[in-house]
Amino acid sequence: MDESLLYERRARICQVLADAKRQRLIDALRDSERSVGELAETLGATLPNVSQHLNVMRDAGLVSSRRDGTTIYYRLAYPQ
């Protein structure tokens, strides 16, 4: 990988992790996959707000998702 791309990727990840709510989402996903609704309840936040944060995290490659019917589940892309 080109060194400049590596630095850009690292900077993007740092930007994403600079938000406290996203830090809490990472902690909530540490042990298992969870639905957006479960995450919203755990954080005491609205579904749209949690979904927005998760989309930013997914775009940065920190989480991955799967759909089961109308429910979307998220997990850490790199649990280690």
Protein backbone atom coordinates (compact mmCIF):
# COMPACT_ATOMS: atom_id res chain seq x y z
CA MET A 1 0.00 0.00 0.00
CA ASP A 2 1.19 3.48 -0.88
CA GLU A 3 2.50 5.21 2.25
CA SER A 4 0.40 8.35 1.68
CA LEU A 5 -2.77 6.22 1.41
CA LEU A 6 -1.88 4.52 4.67
CA TYR A 7 -1.61 7.88 6.44
CA GLU A 8 -4.89 9.06 4.94
CA ARG A 9 -6.63 5.88 6.14
CA ARG A 10 -5.19 6.28 9.64
CA ALA A 11 -6.31 9.92 9.75
CA ARG A 12 -9.84 8.93 8.67
CA ILE A 13 -10.05 6.28 11.38
CA CYS A 14 -8.85 8.78 13.97
CA GLN A 15 -11.53 11.25 12.83
CA VAL A 16 -14.22 8.60 13.19
CA LEU A 17 -13.00 7.53 16.63
CA ALA A 18 -12.83 11.13 17.90
CA ASP A 19 -16.58 11.05 18.62
CA ALA A 20 -17.57 9.82 22.10
CA LYS A 21 -20.78 8.17 20.89
CA ARG A 22 -18.81 6.13 18.36
CA GLN A 23 -16.47 5.05 21.13
CA ARG A 24 -19.51 3.85 23.08
CA LEU A 25 -20.76 1.97 20.02
CA ILE A 26 -17.44 0.16 19.73
CA ASP A 27 -17.70 -0.86 23.39
CA ALA A 28 -21.29 -2.04 22.87
CA LEU A 29 -20.19 -4.19 19.90
CA ARG A 30 -17.11 -5.59 21.61
CA ASP A 31 -18.63 -8.96 22.56
CA SER A 32 -21.32 -9.58 19.97
CA GLU A 33 -23.29 -8.45 16.97
CA ARG A 34 -26.23 -6.20 17.85
CA SER A 35 -29.16 -4.61 16.06
CA VAL A 36 -29.50 -0.88 15.58
CA GLY A 37 -32.46 -0.91 17.98
CA GLU A 38 -30.46 -2.66 20.69
CA LEU A 39 -27.62 -0.21 20.25
CA ALA A 40 -29.95 2.79 20.39
CA GLU A 41 -31.47 1.48 23.63
CA THR A 42 -28.04 0.81 25.15
CA LEU A 43 -26.81 4.30 24.31
CA GLY A 44 -30.08 6.06 25.12
CA ALA A 45 -30.09 7.59 21.64
CA THR A 46 -32.53 7.71 18.75
CA LEU A 47 -32.49 5.11 15.97
CA PRO A 48 -31.68 7.69 13.26
CA ASN A 49 -28.78 9.09 15.28
CA VAL A 50 -27.27 5.65 15.95
CA SER A 51 -27.77 4.64 12.31
CA GLN A 52 -25.95 7.76 11.17
CA HIS A 53 -22.96 7.03 13.42
CA LEU A 54 -22.89 3.39 12.32
CA ASN A 55 -22.91 4.42 8.66
CA VAL A 56 -19.89 6.65 9.24
CA MET A 57 -18.15 3.78 11.03
CA ARG A 58 -19.03 1.33 8.25
CA ASP A 59 -17.71 3.73 5.58
CA ALA A 60 -14.43 3.88 7.52
CA GLY A 61 -14.26 0.08 7.64
CA LEU A 62 -14.64 -0.20 11.42
CA VAL A 63 -17.93 -2.12 11.45
CA SER A 64 -19.75 -4.41 9.07
CA SER A 65 -23.45 -5.10 8.81
CA ARG A 66 -25.96 -7.69 7.71
CA ARG A 67 -29.69 -7.50 7.14
CA ASP A 68 -32.19 -10.01 8.48
CA GLY A 69 -35.61 -8.97 7.18
CA THR A 70 -36.07 -5.37 8.25
CA THR A 71 -33.45 -5.54 11.02
CA ILE A 72 -29.85 -4.52 10.44
CA TYR A 73 -27.18 -6.03 12.66
CA TYR A 74 -23.71 -4.57 13.16
CA ARG A 75 -20.47 -6.10 14.38
CA LEU A 76 -16.89 -4.92 14.63
CA ALA A 77 -15.05 -5.51 11.37
CA TYR A 78 -11.88 -6.34 13.33
CA PRO A 79 -12.92 -7.62 16.78
CA GLN A 80 -9.34 -8.03 17.95
